[in-house]
C-alpha atoms as a PDB file:
ATOM      1  CA  MET A   1     -11.730  -7.176 -15.229  1.00  0.00           C
ATOM      2  CA  LEU A   2      -8.663  -9.150 -15.364  1.00  0.00           C
ATOM      3  CA  SER A   3      -5.177  -7.457 -15.861  1.00  0.00           C
ATOM      4  CA  SER A   4      -3.313  -7.959 -19.006  1.00  0.00           C
ATOM      5  CA  HIS A   5       0.308  -7.621 -17.285  1.00  0.00           C
ATOM      6  CA  ALA A   6       1.405 -10.616 -15.238  1.00  0.00           C
ATOM      7  CA  VAL A   7       1.614 -10.278 -11.433  1.00  0.00           C
ATOM      8  CA  ASN A   8       5.243 -11.466  -9.972  1.00  0.00           C
ATOM      9  CA  SER A   9       4.377 -10.340  -6.543  1.00  0.00           C
ATOM     10  CA  TYR A  10       1.255 -10.789  -4.471  1.00  0.00           C
ATOM     11  CA  THR A  11       0.462 -10.849  -0.610  1.00  0.00           C
ATOM     12  CA  HIS A  12      -2.415 -11.611   1.653  1.00  0.00           C
ATOM     13  CA  ALA A  13      -3.555 -12.161   5.291  1.00  0.00           C
ATOM     14  CA  LEU A  14      -3.980 -15.829   6.370  1.00  0.00           C
ATOM     15  CA  THR A  15      -5.704 -17.316   9.179  1.00  0.00           C
ATOM     16  CA  ARG A  16      -3.827 -20.210  11.152  1.00  0.00           C
ATOM     17  CA  ASP A  17      -5.847 -22.728   9.396  1.00  0.00           C
ATOM     18  CA  GLN A  18      -5.006 -21.281   6.094  1.00  0.00           C
ATOM     19  CA  THR A  19      -1.493 -21.363   6.888  1.00  0.00           C
ATOM     20  CA  SER A  20      -1.445 -24.900   7.976  1.00  0.00           C
ATOM     21  CA  LYS A  21      -3.368 -25.817   4.671  1.00  0.00           C
ATOM     22  CA  LEU A  22      -0.955 -23.814   2.557  1.00  0.00           C
ATOM     23  CA  ARG A  23       2.242 -25.545   4.107  1.00  0.00           C
ATOM     24  CA  THR A  24       0.496 -28.927   3.334  1.00  0.00           C
ATOM     25  CA  LEU A  25      -0.098 -27.719  -0.307  1.00  0.00           C
ATOM     26  CA  LEU A  26       3.432 -26.449  -0.916  1.00  0.00           C
ATOM     27  CA  ALA A  27       4.902 -29.894   0.160  1.00  0.00           C
ATOM     28  CA  GLU A  28       2.523 -32.114  -1.681  1.00  0.00           C
ATOM     29  CA  SER A  29       3.223 -29.680  -4.653  1.00  0.00           C
ATOM     30  CA  GLY A  30       7.083 -30.656  -4.327  1.00  0.00           C
ATOM     31  CA  PHE A  31       8.134 -27.333  -2.968  1.00  0.00           C
ATOM     32  CA  GLN A  32      11.472 -27.000  -1.049  1.00  0.00           C
ATOM     33  CA  PHE A  33      11.460 -25.442   2.558  1.00  0.00           C
ATOM     34  CA  SER A  34      14.348 -23.804   4.052  1.00  0.00           C
ATOM     35  CA  ALA A  35      14.795 -21.397   7.147  1.00  0.00           C
ATOM     36  CA  LYS A  36      14.241 -17.404   6.609  1.00  0.00           C
ATOM     37  CA  GLN A  37      14.059 -14.947   9.245  1.00  0.00           C
ATOM     38  CA  TYR A  38      10.694 -13.639  10.447  1.00  0.00           C
ATOM     39  CA  THR A  39       8.926 -16.423   8.667  1.00  0.00           C
ATOM     40  CA  LEU A  40       6.895 -19.490   9.872  1.00  0.00           C
ATOM     41  CA  PHE A  41       8.058 -21.294   6.692  1.00  0.00           C
ATOM     42  CA  PHE A  42       9.523 -20.512   3.234  1.00  0.00           C
ATOM     43  CA  ALA A  43       9.348 -22.633   0.402  1.00  0.00           C
ATOM     44  CA  GLN A  44      10.560 -22.523  -3.423  1.00  0.00           C
ATOM     45  CA  LYS A  45       9.953 -24.359  -6.514  1.00  0.00           C
ATOM     46  CA  ASN A  46      11.757 -23.444  -9.693  1.00  0.00           C
ATOM     47  CA  ASN A  47      11.651 -19.409  -9.720  1.00  0.00           C
ATOM     48  CA  LEU A  48       8.800 -19.256  -7.538  1.00  0.00           C
ATOM     49  CA  SER A  49       8.932 -18.532  -3.698  1.00  0.00           C
ATOM     50  CA  VAL A  50       6.366 -18.842  -1.143  1.00  0.00           C
ATOM     51  CA  ALA A  51       6.857 -16.990   2.359  1.00  0.00           C
ATOM     52  CA  VAL A  52       4.575 -17.128   5.150  1.00  0.00           C
ATOM     53  CA  TYR A  53       5.504 -14.351   7.688  1.00  0.00           C
ATOM     54  CA  GLU A  54       4.907 -14.614  11.580  1.00  0.00           C
ATOM     55  CA  LYS A  55       3.464 -11.276  11.850  1.00  0.00           C
ATOM     56  CA  GLY A  56      -0.214 -11.451  10.606  1.00  0.00           C
ATOM     57  CA  PRO A  57       0.597 -14.067   9.547  1.00  0.00           C
ATOM     58  CA  LYS A  58       0.686 -13.135   5.699  1.00  0.00           C
ATOM     59  CA  VAL A  59       1.699 -14.905   2.792  1.00  0.00           C
ATOM     60  CA  LEU A  60       4.180 -13.457   0.051  1.00  0.00           C
ATOM     61  CA  VAL A  61       4.298 -15.063  -3.346  1.00  0.00           C
ATOM     62  CA  GLN A  62       6.990 -13.969  -5.434  1.00  0.00           C
ATOM     63  CA  GLY A  63       8.842 -14.926  -8.862  1.00  0.00           C
ATOM     64  CA  LYS A  64       7.972 -16.523 -12.129  1.00  0.00           C
ATOM     65  CA  GLY A  65       4.420 -18.073 -11.977  1.00  0.00           C
ATOM     66  CA  ALA A  66       3.206 -16.087  -9.092  1.00  0.00           C
ATOM     67  CA  GLU A  67       0.010 -15.062 -10.683  1.00  0.00           C
ATOM     68  CA  GLU A  68      -0.772 -18.512 -11.715  1.00  0.00           C
ATOM     69  CA  PHE A  69      -0.227 -20.197  -8.434  1.00  0.00           C
ATOM     70  CA  VAL A  70      -2.599 -17.329  -6.683  1.00  0.00           C
ATOM     71  CA  GLN A  71      -5.316 -17.886  -9.308  1.00  0.00           C
ATOM     72  CA  PHE A  72      -5.414 -21.598  -9.605  1.00  0.00           C
ATOM     73  CA  GLU A  73      -3.708 -22.879  -6.085  1.00  0.00           C
ATOM     74  CA  LEU A  74      -3.686 -20.045  -3.408  1.00  0.00           C
ATOM     75  CA  GLU A  75      -7.126 -18.386  -4.066  1.00  0.00           C
ATOM     76  CA  PRO A  76      -9.390 -21.425  -4.857  1.00  0.00           C
ATOM     77  CA  LYS A  77      -7.721 -24.154  -2.416  1.00  0.00           C
ATOM     78  CA  ILE A  78      -6.626 -21.780   0.568  1.00  0.00           C
ATOM     79  CA  LEU A  79      -8.365 -18.539   0.611  1.00  0.00           C
ATOM     80  CA  GLY A  80     -11.532 -19.601  -1.001  1.00  0.00           C
ATOM     81  CA  GLU A  81     -12.145 -16.344  -2.869  1.00  0.00           C
ATOM     82  CA  ALA A  82     -11.220 -14.855  -6.271  1.00  0.00           C
ATOM     83  CA  LYS A  83      -9.535 -11.423  -6.061  1.00  0.00           C
ATOM     84  CA  LEU A  84      -6.381 -11.146  -8.173  1.00  0.00           C
ATOM     85  CA  GLY A  85      -7.383  -9.340 -11.296  1.00  0.00           C
ATOM     86  CA  TYR A  86     -10.949  -8.706 -10.006  1.00  0.00           C
ATOM     87  CA  GLU A  87      -9.967  -5.371  -8.026  1.00  0.00           C
ATOM     88  CA  GLU A  88     -12.230  -3.337 -10.292  1.00  0.00           C
ATOM     89  CA  VAL A  89     -15.217  -5.543  -9.221  1.00  0.00           C
ATOM     90  CA  HIS A  90     -14.368  -5.708  -5.461  1.00  0.00           C
ATOM     91  CA  SER A  91     -13.378  -1.966  -5.003  1.00  0.00           C
ATOM     92  CA  PRO A  92     -14.350   0.137  -7.948  1.00  0.00           C
ATOM     93  CA  GLU A  93     -13.891   3.447  -5.831  1.00  0.00           C
ATOM     94  CA  MET A  94     -10.149   2.572  -6.192  1.00  0.00           C
ATOM     95  CA  PHE A  95      -9.994   3.413  -9.685  1.00  0.00           C
ATOM     96  CA  GLU A  96     -12.224   6.627  -9.864  1.00  0.00           C
ATOM     97  CA  PRO A  97      -9.888   9.832 -10.051  1.00  0.00           C
ATOM     98  CA  HIS A  98      -8.929  10.838  -6.761  1.00  0.00           C
ATOM     99  CA  PHE A  99      -5.974  11.971  -4.558  1.00  0.00           C
ATOM    100  CA  GLY A 100      -4.856   9.288  -1.754  1.00  0.00           C
ATOM    101  CA  VAL A 101      -2.942  10.873   1.211  1.00  0.00           C
ATOM    102  CA  ASP A 102      -1.528   9.352   4.329  1.00  0.00           C
ATOM    103  CA  GLU A 103       1.442  10.308   6.945  1.00  0.00           C
ATOM    104  CA  SER A 104       3.986   8.265   8.501  1.00  0.00           C
ATOM    105  CA  GLY A 105       6.512   9.030  11.414  1.00  0.00           C
ATOM    106  CA  LYS A 106       3.976  10.687  13.840  1.00  0.00           C
ATOM    107  CA  GLY A 107       4.957   8.394  16.492  1.00  0.00           C
ATOM    108  CA  ASP A 108       8.738   8.328  15.824  1.00  0.00           C
ATOM    109  CA  PHE A 109      11.323   9.753  18.130  1.00  0.00           C
ATOM    110  CA  PHE A 110      13.662  10.489  15.570  1.00  0.00           C
ATOM    111  CA  GLY A 111      13.466  11.552  11.749  1.00  0.00           C
ATOM    112  CA  PRO A 112      10.591  13.908  10.051  1.00  0.00           C
ATOM    113  CA  LEU A 113       6.868  13.475  10.048  1.00  0.00           C
ATOM    114  CA  VAL A 114       6.118  12.824   6.591  1.00  0.00           C
ATOM    115  CA  VAL A 115       2.874  13.265   4.521  1.00  0.00           C
ATOM    116  CA  ALA A 116       2.686  12.198   1.080  1.00  0.00           C
ATOM    117  CA  GLY A 117      -0.205  12.010  -1.715  1.00  0.00           C
ATOM    118  CA  VAL A 118      -0.691  10.847  -5.120  1.00  0.00           C
ATOM    119  CA  TYR A 119      -3.156  11.267  -7.879  1.00  0.00           C
ATOM    120  CA  VAL A 120      -4.779   8.136  -9.227  1.00  0.00           C
ATOM    121  CA  ASP A 121      -7.326   7.346 -11.943  1.00  0.00           C
ATOM    122  CA  ARG A 122      -8.280   3.993 -13.679  1.00  0.00           C
ATOM    123  CA  GLY A 123      -5.110   3.804 -15.595  1.00  0.00           C
ATOM    124  CA  ILE A 124      -2.667   4.763 -12.906  1.00  0.00           C
ATOM    125  CA  ALA A 125      -4.391   2.494 -10.345  1.00  0.00           C
ATOM    126  CA  ARG A 126      -3.999  -0.606 -12.614  1.00  0.00           C
ATOM    127  CA  LYS A 127      -0.077   0.382 -13.255  1.00  0.00           C
ATOM    128  CA  LEU A 128       0.406   0.258  -9.475  1.00  0.00           C
ATOM    129  CA  ILE A 129      -1.625  -2.680  -8.767  1.00  0.00           C
ATOM    130  CA  ASP A 130       0.331  -4.536 -11.514  1.00  0.00           C
ATOM    131  CA  ALA A 131       3.588  -3.483 -10.015  1.00  0.00           C
ATOM    132  CA  GLY A 132       2.442  -4.934  -6.599  1.00  0.00           C
ATOM    133  CA  VAL A 133       1.825  -1.728  -4.953  1.00  0.00           C
ATOM    134  CA  GLN A 134      -0.194  -2.516  -1.760  1.00  0.00           C
ATOM    135  CA  ASP A 135      -0.540  -1.351   1.884  1.00  0.00           C
ATOM    136  CA  SER A 136       3.058  -1.084   3.319  1.00  0.00           C
ATOM    137  CA  LYS A 137       2.022  -3.065   6.454  1.00  0.00           C
ATOM    138  CA  ARG A 138       1.444  -6.016   4.312  1.00  0.00           C
ATOM    139  CA  ILE A 139       5.107  -5.933   2.923  1.00  0.00           C
ATOM    140  CA  GLY A 140       7.711  -7.475   4.787  1.00  0.00           C
ATOM    141  CA  SER A 141      10.801  -5.711   3.341  1.00  0.00           C
ATOM    142  CA  ASP A 142      12.205  -2.538   3.536  1.00  0.00           C
ATOM    143  CA  ALA A 143      14.043  -2.733   0.278  1.00  0.00           C
ATOM    144  CA  ARG A 144      10.763  -3.921  -1.323  1.00  0.00           C
ATOM    145  CA  ILE A 145       8.960  -0.644   0.139  1.00  0.00           C
ATOM    146  CA  ARG A 146      11.886   1.526  -1.296  1.00  0.00           C
ATOM    147  CA  ALA A 147      11.567  -0.106  -4.655  1.00  0.00           C
ATOM    148  CA  LEU A 148       7.862   0.328  -4.738  1.00  0.00           C
ATOM    149  CA  ALA A 149       8.239   4.010  -3.791  1.00  0.00           C
ATOM    150  CA  GLU A 150      10.512   4.680  -6.905  1.00  0.00           C
ATOM    151  CA  THR A 151       7.796   2.612  -9.020  1.00  0.00           C
ATOM    152  CA  ILE A 152       4.887   4.883  -7.743  1.00  0.00           C
ATOM    153  CA  ARG A 153       7.145   7.916  -8.739  1.00  0.00           C
ATOM    154  CA  LYS A 154       7.509   6.491 -12.376  1.00  0.00           C
ATOM    155  CA  ARG A 155       4.042   5.611 -13.090  1.00  0.00           C
ATOM    156  CA  THR A 156       2.217   8.459 -11.814  1.00  0.00           C
ATOM    157  CA  ALA A 157       4.273  11.111 -14.373  1.00  0.00           C
ATOM    158  CA  GLY A 158       5.211  13.211 -11.210  1.00  0.00           C
ATOM    159  CA  LEU A 159       1.279  13.548  -9.838  1.00  0.00           C
ATOM    160  CA  ILE A 160       2.792  13.001  -6.193  1.00  0.00           C
ATOM    161  CA  GLU A 161       3.665  15.446  -3.410  1.00  0.00           C
ATOM    162  CA  THR A 162       5.174  14.991  -0.072  1.00  0.00           C
ATOM    163  CA  VAL A 163       5.551  17.389   2.949  1.00  0.00           C
ATOM    164  CA  LEU A 164       8.335  16.548   5.267  1.00  0.00           C
ATOM    165  CA  ILE A 165       8.308  18.211   8.742  1.00  0.00           C
ATOM    166  CA  GLY A 166      11.703  17.793  10.799  1.00  0.00           C
ATOM    167  CA  PRO A 167      11.755  17.917  14.696  1.00  0.00           C
ATOM    168  CA  GLU A 168      12.210  21.570  14.904  1.00  0.00           C
ATOM    169  CA  ARG A 169       9.473  22.528  12.698  1.00  0.00           C
ATOM    170  CA  TYR A 170       7.088  19.837  14.145  1.00  0.00           C
ATOM    171  CA  ASN A 171       7.590  21.419  17.582  1.00  0.00           C
ATOM    172  CA  GLU A 172       6.802  25.042  16.033  1.00  0.00           C
ATOM    173  CA  LEU A 173       3.756  23.769  14.487  1.00  0.00           C
ATOM    174  CA  TYR A 174       2.769  21.913  17.847  1.00  0.00           C
ATOM    175  CA  GLN A 175       3.021  24.927  19.673  1.00  0.00           C
ATOM    176  CA  LYS A 176       0.987  26.697  16.974  1.00  0.00           C
ATOM    177  CA  PHE A 177      -1.928  24.209  16.608  1.00  0.00           C
ATOM    178  CA  GLY A 178      -2.061  22.833  19.974  1.00  0.00           C
ATOM    179  CA  ASN A 179      -2.611  19.286  19.158  1.00  0.00           C
ATOM    180  CA  LEU A 180      -1.492  16.768  16.889  1.00  0.00           C
ATOM    181  CA  ASN A 181      -4.749  16.094  14.953  1.00  0.00           C
ATOM    182  CA  LYS A 182      -4.859  19.840  13.810  1.00  0.00           C
ATOM    183  CA  LEU A 183      -1.134  19.521  12.942  1.00  0.00           C
ATOM    184  CA  LEU A 184      -1.556  16.423  10.722  1.00  0.00           C
ATOM    185  CA  GLY A 185      -4.512  18.099   9.029  1.00  0.00           C
ATOM    186  CA  TRP A 186      -2.518  21.054   8.253  1.00  0.00           C
ATOM    187  CA  GLY A 187       0.143  18.633   6.701  1.00  0.00           C
ATOM    188  CA  HIS A 188      -2.819  16.635   4.843  1.00  0.00           C
ATOM    189  CA  ALA A 189      -4.239  19.863   3.387  1.00  0.00           C
ATOM    190  CA  ARG A 190      -0.812  21.241   2.145  1.00  0.00           C
ATOM    191  CA  VAL A 191      -0.405  18.004   0.389  1.00  0.00           C
ATOM    192  CA  ILE A 192      -3.945  18.298  -1.187  1.00  0.00           C
ATOM    193  CA  GLU A 193      -3.484  21.908  -2.131  1.00  0.00           C
ATOM    194  CA  ASN A 194       0.053  20.877  -4.006  1.00  0.00           C
ATOM    195  CA  LEU A 195      -1.626  18.245  -5.853  1.00  0.00           C
ATOM    196  CA  LEU A 196      -4.429  20.421  -6.827  1.00  0.00           C
ATOM    197  CA  ALA A 197      -1.936  22.736  -8.331  1.00  0.00           C
ATOM    198  CA  LYS A 198      -0.711  20.140 -10.517  1.00  0.00           C
ATOM    199  CA  LYS A 199      -4.274  18.403 -11.169  1.00  0.00           C
ATOM    200  CA  SER A 200      -7.006  20.811 -10.807  1.00  0.00           C
ATOM    201  CA  ASP A 201      -9.802  18.830 -12.164  1.00  0.00           C
ATOM    202  CA  CYS A 202      -9.430  15.888  -9.309  1.00  0.00           C
ATOM    203  CA  PRO A 203     -12.898  15.575  -7.952  1.00  0.00           C
ATOM    204  CA  ARG A 204     -12.158  14.014  -4.420  1.00  0.00           C
ATOM    205  CA  ALA A 205      -9.392  13.270  -1.921  1.00  0.00           C
ATOM    206  CA  LEU A 206      -9.022  10.307   0.359  1.00  0.00           C
ATOM    207  CA  SER A 207      -7.090  10.824   3.535  1.00  0.00           C
ATOM    208  CA  ASP A 208      -6.355   8.775   6.502  1.00  0.00           C
ATOM    209  CA  GLN A 209      -8.924   9.131   9.051  1.00  0.00           C
ATOM    210  CA  PHE A 210      -7.101  10.398  12.146  1.00  0.00           C
ATOM    211  CA  ALA A 211      -9.510  13.020  12.980  1.00  0.00           C
ATOM    212  CA  ASP A 212     -13.175  14.397  12.032  1.00  0.00           C
ATOM    213  CA  ALA A 213     -13.009  15.403   8.251  1.00  0.00           C
ATOM    214  CA  ARG A 214     -13.564  19.016   9.124  1.00  0.00           C
ATOM    215  CA  VAL A 215     -10.123  18.900  10.673  1.00  0.00           C
ATOM    216  CA  ILE A 216      -8.568  18.719   7.213  1.00  0.00           C
ATOM    217  CA  GLU A 217     -11.410  20.949   5.476  1.00  0.00           C
ATOM    218  CA  GLN A 218     -10.632  23.866   7.681  1.00  0.00           C
ATOM    219  CA  SER A 219      -7.029  23.558   6.954  1.00  0.00           C
ATOM    220  CA  LEU A 220      -7.530  23.712   3.295  1.00  0.00           C
ATOM    221  CA  LEU A 221      -6.803  27.222   1.405  1.00  0.00           C
ATOM    222  CA  ARG A 222      -8.532  28.382  -1.667  1.00  0.00           C
ATOM    223  CA  HIS A 223      -7.810  25.909  -4.220  1.00  0.00           C
ATOM    224  CA  GLY A 224      -9.070  22.972  -1.979  1.00  0.00           C
ATOM    225  CA  ARG A 225     -12.397  24.715  -1.334  1.00  0.00           C
END
């Protein structure tokens, strides 16, 4: 099913061969190249920009005409597959009602460990995809991540939860549980419980697999059971 909303930002992993072909395509299409930090190349034409980042490599297409460029140039000529607008065909489980939970900061020396979760159904999933929400590892800008975080807050009608565990509390919990996986299980379970208080009819939760699923299941309280 094609989206009815224009996409103005798109990213995708590339092989080295695809990277070379894309550069040739852009040059032949009249794009102007300029230097940009952390990229293999950066090109612009009118209000459309195409950046290929060193890490990956991965391509980021942004601006007016991004959707048309992806559908009629990038996908058929470089990627060899059609995905944009067909997410419900390729990944139907993304659109079924569920909580999505993940954590960040478990390997950081400074700052908190953060566990966050959000409720998603078909309507919310489509809004988030159309807004450019995706795996943060595929986004090359901290500013873009912050902007998308605000978008998620607005487009999920408050059906989000976060648990922040600062260094002192982290040490206390680590002493209590004895290992990191049990601590993470506790954090994920708390987020799921808090989301269930807002959306009690949600049928399932999808969590980052840092350990056996029983680690989280054993940490769930009454609501989660």
